[in-house]
Amino acid sequence: MSFLDVAKLSAAADPSQPDALTYDQESVLAADPKLFAVFHLVLFGKAIDDIVTTYEVSRREVERHVATLADIGLVDQHAPKLKVLSGKNITWRDDGPLRAAYKDQLLKEFMMNDFDGPRETSSFMMRSLSAGSQTLINRKLELLRHEMNELSAIDAVALKGKTQTTAILVAMRPLAFSVVGVLKKRRS
């Protein structure tokens, strides 16, 4: 058994930990940006000491936020180390409060970049595809999302503290590019 196999086994997702928050949990997080920030940091492995040392926030305030996270069922604050009770691969609800509160801000922050740094890439493609080809591409994109989740889980076990929050934007949809609208269609 290789080290990679051991890391995969120890990083295996706990099926009892949901990857989607409840609507009520999202509502509480969306209503308080500092609470959401603390949850984000805890979700990615930060301890209370790390947060207090790195950010301009008091221990009391972080502990208050952690208590709120415990009240809504997102962390176990009484474990020897803060234990997140949700899955690590949180997916925001399509119609949920987090998407409503942060979608535009997150997309703007992500896209306002030249993507020319190390480990950065960007590609935008438009092609004419059949319904079958679109389905195939969607399957491949799902495999990419799955692989990112798997690598994140492995890195969390194997490379504690040596990871960096990384985002990918995977999107596909039929698109009628509005620039074509400057050309008027001929009457048949």
C-alpha atoms as a PDB file:
ATOM      1  CA  MET A   1       0.000   0.000   0.000  1.00  0.00           C
ATOM      2  CA  SER A   2       1.449   3.371  -0.992  1.00  0.00           C
ATOM      3  CA  PHE A   3       1.410   6.561   1.060  1.00  0.00           C
ATOM      4  CA  LEU A   4      -1.163   7.940  -1.396  1.00  0.00           C
ATOM      5  CA  ASP A   5      -3.451   4.960  -0.686  1.00  0.00           C
ATOM      6  CA  VAL A   6      -3.115   5.487   3.077  1.00  0.00           C
ATOM      7  CA  ALA A   7      -3.853   9.215   2.687  1.00  0.00           C
ATOM      8  CA  LYS A   8      -6.921   8.440   0.566  1.00  0.00           C
ATOM      9  CA  LEU A   9      -8.244   6.005   3.178  1.00  0.00           C
ATOM     10  CA  SER A  10      -7.714   8.403   6.061  1.00  0.00           C
ATOM     11  CA  ALA A  11      -9.242  11.265   4.085  1.00  0.00           C
ATOM     12  CA  ALA A  12     -12.313   9.324   3.013  1.00  0.00           C
ATOM     13  CA  ALA A  13     -15.459  11.383   3.347  1.00  0.00           C
ATOM     14  CA  ASP A  14     -17.684  10.658   6.314  1.00  0.00           C
ATOM     15  CA  PRO A  15     -21.126   9.976   4.854  1.00  0.00           C
ATOM     16  CA  SER A  16     -22.729  11.259   8.061  1.00  0.00           C
ATOM     17  CA  GLN A  17     -21.298  14.722   7.338  1.00  0.00           C
ATOM     18  CA  PRO A  18     -23.481  16.509   4.780  1.00  0.00           C
ATOM     19  CA  ASP A  19     -21.930  18.560   1.978  1.00  0.00           C
ATOM     20  CA  ALA A  20     -24.919  20.883   1.950  1.00  0.00           C
ATOM     21  CA  LEU A  21     -25.893  23.066   4.869  1.00  0.00           C
ATOM     22  CA  THR A  22     -29.494  23.385   5.923  1.00  0.00           C
ATOM     23  CA  TYR A  23     -31.384  26.467   4.816  1.00  0.00           C
ATOM     24  CA  ASP A  24     -31.425  27.676   8.446  1.00  0.00           C
ATOM     25  CA  GLN A  25     -27.647  27.197   8.820  1.00  0.00           C
ATOM     26  CA  GLU A  26     -27.063  29.150   5.611  1.00  0.00           C
ATOM     27  CA  SER A  27     -29.421  31.890   6.866  1.00  0.00           C
ATOM     28  CA  VAL A  28     -27.457  32.335  10.093  1.00  0.00           C
ATOM     29  CA  LEU A  29     -24.111  32.395   8.245  1.00  0.00           C
ATOM     30  CA  ALA A  30     -25.356  34.787   5.560  1.00  0.00           C
ATOM     31  CA  ALA A  31     -26.675  37.212   8.179  1.00  0.00           C
ATOM     32  CA  ASP A  32     -23.294  37.641   9.899  1.00  0.00           C
ATOM     33  CA  PRO A  33     -20.180  38.086   7.698  1.00  0.00           C
ATOM     34  CA  LYS A  34     -17.756  37.631  10.634  1.00  0.00           C
ATOM     35  CA  LEU A  35     -19.471  34.403  11.663  1.00  0.00           C
ATOM     36  CA  PHE A  36     -19.265  33.182   8.064  1.00  0.00           C
ATOM     37  CA  ALA A  37     -15.571  34.139   7.931  1.00  0.00           C
ATOM     38  CA  VAL A  38     -14.842  32.182  11.122  1.00  0.00           C
ATOM     39  CA  PHE A  39     -16.754  29.170   9.749  1.00  0.00           C
ATOM     40  CA  HIS A  40     -14.775  29.378   6.506  1.00  0.00           C
ATOM     41  CA  LEU A  41     -11.481  29.395   8.415  1.00  0.00           C
ATOM     42  CA  VAL A  42     -12.514  26.554  10.739  1.00  0.00           C
ATOM     43  CA  LEU A  43     -13.797  24.544   7.779  1.00  0.00           C
ATOM     44  CA  PHE A  44     -10.321  24.772   6.250  1.00  0.00           C
ATOM     45  CA  GLY A  45      -8.596  23.599   9.422  1.00  0.00           C
ATOM     46  CA  LYS A  46      -7.823  26.781  11.329  1.00  0.00           C
ATOM     47  CA  ALA A  47      -7.863  26.585  15.134  1.00  0.00           C
ATOM     48  CA  ILE A  48      -9.028  29.424  17.370  1.00  0.00           C
ATOM     49  CA  ASP A  49      -5.388  30.299  18.153  1.00  0.00           C
ATOM     50  CA  ASP A  50      -4.585  30.513  14.414  1.00  0.00           C
ATOM     51  CA  ILE A  51      -7.493  32.880  13.820  1.00  0.00           C
ATOM     52  CA  VAL A  52      -6.649  35.133  16.770  1.00  0.00           C
ATOM     53  CA  THR A  53      -2.965  35.249  15.796  1.00  0.00           C
ATOM     54  CA  THR A  54      -3.582  35.915  12.098  1.00  0.00           C
ATOM     55  CA  TYR A  55      -6.580  38.256  12.150  1.00  0.00           C
ATOM     56  CA  GLU A  56      -7.547  41.347  14.097  1.00  0.00           C
ATOM     57  CA  VAL A  57     -10.184  39.664  16.190  1.00  0.00           C
ATOM     58  CA  SER A  58     -10.245  38.911  19.905  1.00  0.00           C
ATOM     59  CA  ARG A  59     -10.256  35.409  21.333  1.00  0.00           C
ATOM     60  CA  ARG A  60     -13.568  36.217  23.013  1.00  0.00           C
ATOM     61  CA  GLU A  61     -15.165  37.189  19.702  1.00  0.00           C
ATOM     62  CA  VAL A  62     -13.890  34.042  17.946  1.00  0.00           C
ATOM     63  CA  GLU A  63     -15.090  31.871  20.836  1.00  0.00           C
ATOM     64  CA  ARG A  64     -18.511  33.557  20.638  1.00  0.00           C
ATOM     65  CA  HIS A  65     -18.674  32.774  16.906  1.00  0.00           C
ATOM     66  CA  VAL A  66     -17.572  29.177  17.527  1.00  0.00           C
ATOM     67  CA  ALA A  67     -20.327  28.838  20.148  1.00  0.00           C
ATOM     68  CA  THR A  68     -22.852  30.063  17.567  1.00  0.00           C
ATOM     69  CA  LEU A  69     -21.487  27.563  15.037  1.00  0.00           C
ATOM     70  CA  ALA A  70     -21.929  24.846  17.669  1.00  0.00           C
ATOM     71  CA  ASP A  71     -25.491  26.024  18.388  1.00  0.00           C
ATOM     72  CA  ILE A  72     -26.443  25.623  14.724  1.00  0.00           C
ATOM     73  CA  GLY A  73     -24.759  22.213  14.461  1.00  0.00           C
ATOM     74  CA  LEU A  74     -21.713  23.084  12.369  1.00  0.00           C
ATOM     75  CA  VAL A  75     -18.920  22.430  14.886  1.00  0.00           C
ATOM     76  CA  ASP A  76     -18.285  20.445  18.039  1.00  0.00           C
ATOM     77  CA  GLN A  77     -16.538  22.969  20.253  1.00  0.00           C
ATOM     78  CA  HIS A  78     -15.990  20.453  23.062  1.00  0.00           C
ATOM     79  CA  ALA A  79     -13.799  18.103  21.047  1.00  0.00           C
ATOM     80  CA  PRO A  80     -10.069  18.306  21.880  1.00  0.00           C
ATOM     81  CA  LYS A  81      -9.669  20.141  18.579  1.00  0.00           C
ATOM     82  CA  LEU A  82     -12.532  22.003  16.884  1.00  0.00           C
ATOM     83  CA  LYS A  83     -14.420  19.403  14.904  1.00  0.00           C
ATOM     84  CA  VAL A  84     -16.405  20.441  11.846  1.00  0.00           C
ATOM     85  CA  LEU A  85     -19.710  18.561  11.702  1.00  0.00           C
ATOM     86  CA  SER A  86     -20.380  19.250   8.028  1.00  0.00           C
ATOM     87  CA  GLY A  87     -18.570  17.813   5.066  1.00  0.00           C
ATOM     88  CA  LYS A  88     -15.484  19.698   3.874  1.00  0.00           C
ATOM     89  CA  ASN A  89     -16.881  20.160   0.359  1.00  0.00           C
ATOM     90  CA  ILE A  90     -19.736  22.516   1.125  1.00  0.00           C
ATOM     91  CA  THR A  91     -22.051  23.225  -1.787  1.00  0.00           C
ATOM     92  CA  TRP A  92     -24.214  26.337  -1.484  1.00  0.00           C
ATOM     93  CA  ARG A  93     -27.912  25.879  -2.125  1.00  0.00           C
ATOM     94  CA  ASP A  94     -29.003  27.187  -5.531  1.00  0.00           C
ATOM     95  CA  ASP A  95     -31.801  29.163  -3.883  1.00  0.00           C
ATOM     96  CA  GLY A  96     -30.049  29.648  -0.553  1.00  0.00           C
ATOM     97  CA  PRO A  97     -29.061  32.637   1.538  1.00  0.00           C
ATOM     98  CA  LEU A  98     -25.291  32.169   1.067  1.00  0.00           C
ATOM     99  CA  ARG A  99     -25.569  32.252  -2.727  1.00  0.00           C
ATOM    100  CA  ALA A 100     -27.826  35.313  -2.499  1.00  0.00           C
ATOM    101  CA  ALA A 101     -25.431  37.082  -0.123  1.00  0.00           C
ATOM    102  CA  TYR A 102     -22.058  36.216  -1.649  1.00  0.00           C
ATOM    103  CA  LYS A 103     -22.393  34.986  -5.254  1.00  0.00           C
ATOM    104  CA  ASP A 104     -21.823  38.346  -6.977  1.00  0.00           C
ATOM    105  CA  GLN A 105     -18.974  39.326  -4.634  1.00  0.00           C
ATOM    106  CA  LEU A 106     -17.230  35.975  -5.005  1.00  0.00           C
ATOM    107  CA  LEU A 107     -17.522  35.886  -8.797  1.00  0.00           C
ATOM    108  CA  LYS A 108     -16.259  39.471  -9.069  1.00  0.00           C
ATOM    109  CA  GLU A 109     -13.264  38.759  -6.805  1.00  0.00           C
ATOM    110  CA  PHE A 110     -12.468  35.566  -8.685  1.00  0.00           C
ATOM    111  CA  MET A 111     -12.764  37.019 -12.185  1.00  0.00           C
ATOM    112  CA  MET A 112     -10.962  40.334 -11.473  1.00  0.00           C
ATOM    113  CA  ASN A 113      -7.628  38.698 -12.152  1.00  0.00           C
ATOM    114  CA  ASP A 114      -5.343  38.246 -15.127  1.00  0.00           C
ATOM    115  CA  PHE A 115      -4.778  34.559 -14.234  1.00  0.00           C
ATOM    116  CA  ASP A 116      -1.113  34.914 -15.180  1.00  0.00           C
ATOM    117  CA  GLY A 117       0.496  33.882 -11.900  1.00  0.00           C
ATOM    118  CA  PRO A 118       2.033  30.550 -11.051  1.00  0.00           C
ATOM    119  CA  ARG A 119      -0.586  27.787 -10.762  1.00  0.00           C
ATOM    120  CA  GLU A 120      -3.233  30.066 -12.345  1.00  0.00           C
ATOM    121  CA  THR A 121      -5.026  29.437 -15.604  1.00  0.00           C
ATOM    122  CA  SER A 122      -8.037  30.715 -17.455  1.00  0.00           C
ATOM    123  CA  SER A 123      -9.672  29.606 -20.638  1.00  0.00           C
ATOM    124  CA  PHE A 124     -12.953  30.615 -22.223  1.00  0.00           C
ATOM    125  CA  MET A 125     -14.188  28.599 -25.163  1.00  0.00           C
ATOM    126  CA  MET A 126     -17.274  28.739 -27.342  1.00  0.00           C
ATOM    127  CA  ARG A 127     -18.014  25.808 -29.623  1.00  0.00           C
ATOM    128  CA  SER A 128     -21.076  24.392 -31.321  1.00  0.00           C
ATOM    129  CA  LEU A 129     -21.942  21.095 -29.608  1.00  0.00           C
ATOM    130  CA  SER A 130     -24.746  18.564 -29.857  1.00  0.00           C
ATOM    131  CA  ALA A 131     -26.836  17.634 -26.804  1.00  0.00           C
ATOM    132  CA  GLY A 132     -24.840  14.395 -26.531  1.00  0.00           C
ATOM    133  CA  SER A 133     -21.512  16.220 -26.559  1.00  0.00           C
ATOM    134  CA  GLN A 134     -22.793  18.682 -23.948  1.00  0.00           C
ATOM    135  CA  THR A 135     -23.734  15.738 -21.720  1.00  0.00           C
ATOM    136  CA  LEU A 136     -20.268  14.220 -22.160  1.00  0.00           C
ATOM    137  CA  ILE A 137     -18.560  17.504 -21.240  1.00  0.00           C
ATOM    138  CA  ASN A 138     -20.795  17.791 -18.154  1.00  0.00           C
ATOM    139  CA  ARG A 139     -19.719  14.297 -17.062  1.00  0.00           C
ATOM    140  CA  LYS A 140     -16.063  15.254 -17.468  1.00  0.00           C
ATOM    141  CA  LEU A 141     -16.612  18.446 -15.459  1.00  0.00           C
ATOM    142  CA  GLU A 142     -18.227  16.365 -12.703  1.00  0.00           C
ATOM    143  CA  LEU A 143     -15.126  14.125 -12.690  1.00  0.00           C
ATOM    144  CA  LEU A 144     -12.951  17.235 -12.349  1.00  0.00           C
ATOM    145  CA  ARG A 145     -15.015  18.434  -9.359  1.00  0.00           C
ATOM    146  CA  HIS A 146     -14.734  14.970  -7.804  1.00  0.00           C
ATOM    147  CA  GLU A 147     -10.964  14.924  -8.350  1.00  0.00           C
ATOM    148  CA  MET A 148     -10.550  18.360  -6.755  1.00  0.00           C
ATOM    149  CA  ASN A 149     -12.517  17.185  -3.698  1.00  0.00           C
ATOM    150  CA  GLU A 150     -10.408  14.032  -3.466  1.00  0.00           C
ATOM    151  CA  LEU A 151      -7.104  15.903  -3.777  1.00  0.00           C
ATOM    152  CA  SER A 152      -8.242  18.424  -1.167  1.00  0.00           C
ATOM    153  CA  ALA A 153      -9.049  15.625   1.274  1.00  0.00           C
ATOM    154  CA  ILE A 154      -5.688  13.955   0.667  1.00  0.00           C
ATOM    155  CA  ASP A 155      -3.780  17.235   1.014  1.00  0.00           C
ATOM    156  CA  ALA A 156      -5.596  18.004   4.272  1.00  0.00           C
ATOM    157  CA  VAL A 157      -4.225  14.775   5.746  1.00  0.00           C
ATOM    158  CA  ALA A 158      -0.815  14.612   4.093  1.00  0.00           C
ATOM    159  CA  LEU A 159       0.151  18.299   3.942  1.00  0.00           C
ATOM    160  CA  LYS A 160      -1.411  19.890   7.017  1.00  0.00           C
ATOM    161  CA  GLY A 161      -0.729  23.618   7.011  1.00  0.00           C
ATOM    162  CA  LYS A 162       0.955  23.567   3.602  1.00  0.00           C
ATOM    163  CA  THR A 163      -2.118  24.091   1.481  1.00  0.00           C
ATOM    164  CA  GLN A 164      -3.712  27.204   0.048  1.00  0.00           C
ATOM    165  CA  THR A 165      -7.413  27.846  -0.486  1.00  0.00           C
ATOM    166  CA  THR A 166      -7.865  27.408  -4.214  1.00  0.00           C
ATOM    167  CA  ALA A 167     -10.917  28.052  -6.375  1.00  0.00           C
ATOM    168  CA  ILE A 168     -12.014  26.785  -9.740  1.00  0.00           C
ATOM    169  CA  LEU A 169     -15.001  28.003 -11.674  1.00  0.00           C
ATOM    170  CA  VAL A 170     -16.586  25.314 -13.778  1.00  0.00           C
ATOM    171  CA  ALA A 171     -19.562  26.467 -15.791  1.00  0.00           C
ATOM    172  CA  MET A 172     -21.164  25.494 -19.046  1.00  0.00           C
ATOM    173  CA  ARG A 173     -24.401  26.495 -20.730  1.00  0.00           C
ATOM    174  CA  PRO A 174     -25.779  27.205 -24.174  1.00  0.00           C
ATOM    175  CA  LEU A 175     -25.044  30.841 -24.947  1.00  0.00           C
ATOM    176  CA  ALA A 176     -26.252  33.165 -27.661  1.00  0.00           C
ATOM    177  CA  PHE A 177     -23.465  35.753 -27.675  1.00  0.00           C
ATOM    178  CA  SER A 178     -25.143  39.181 -27.616  1.00  0.00           C
ATOM    179  CA  VAL A 179     -22.585  40.726 -29.969  1.00  0.00           C
ATOM    180  CA  VAL A 180     -24.233  38.823 -32.830  1.00  0.00           C
ATOM    181  CA  GLY A 181     -27.331  40.940 -32.172  1.00  0.00           C
ATOM    182  CA  VAL A 182     -25.689  43.892 -33.974  1.00  0.00           C
ATOM    183  CA  LEU A 183     -26.315  41.981 -37.207  1.00  0.00           C
ATOM    184  CA  LYS A 184     -29.936  42.073 -38.219  1.00  0.00           C
ATOM    185  CA  LYS A 185     -31.442  38.803 -39.433  1.00  0.00           C
ATOM    186  CA  ARG A 186     -32.692  38.641 -43.000  1.00  0.00           C
ATOM    187  CA  ARG A 187     -36.376  38.221 -43.493  1.00  0.00           C
ATOM    188  CA  SER A 188     -37.216  34.898 -45.031  1.00  0.00           C
END
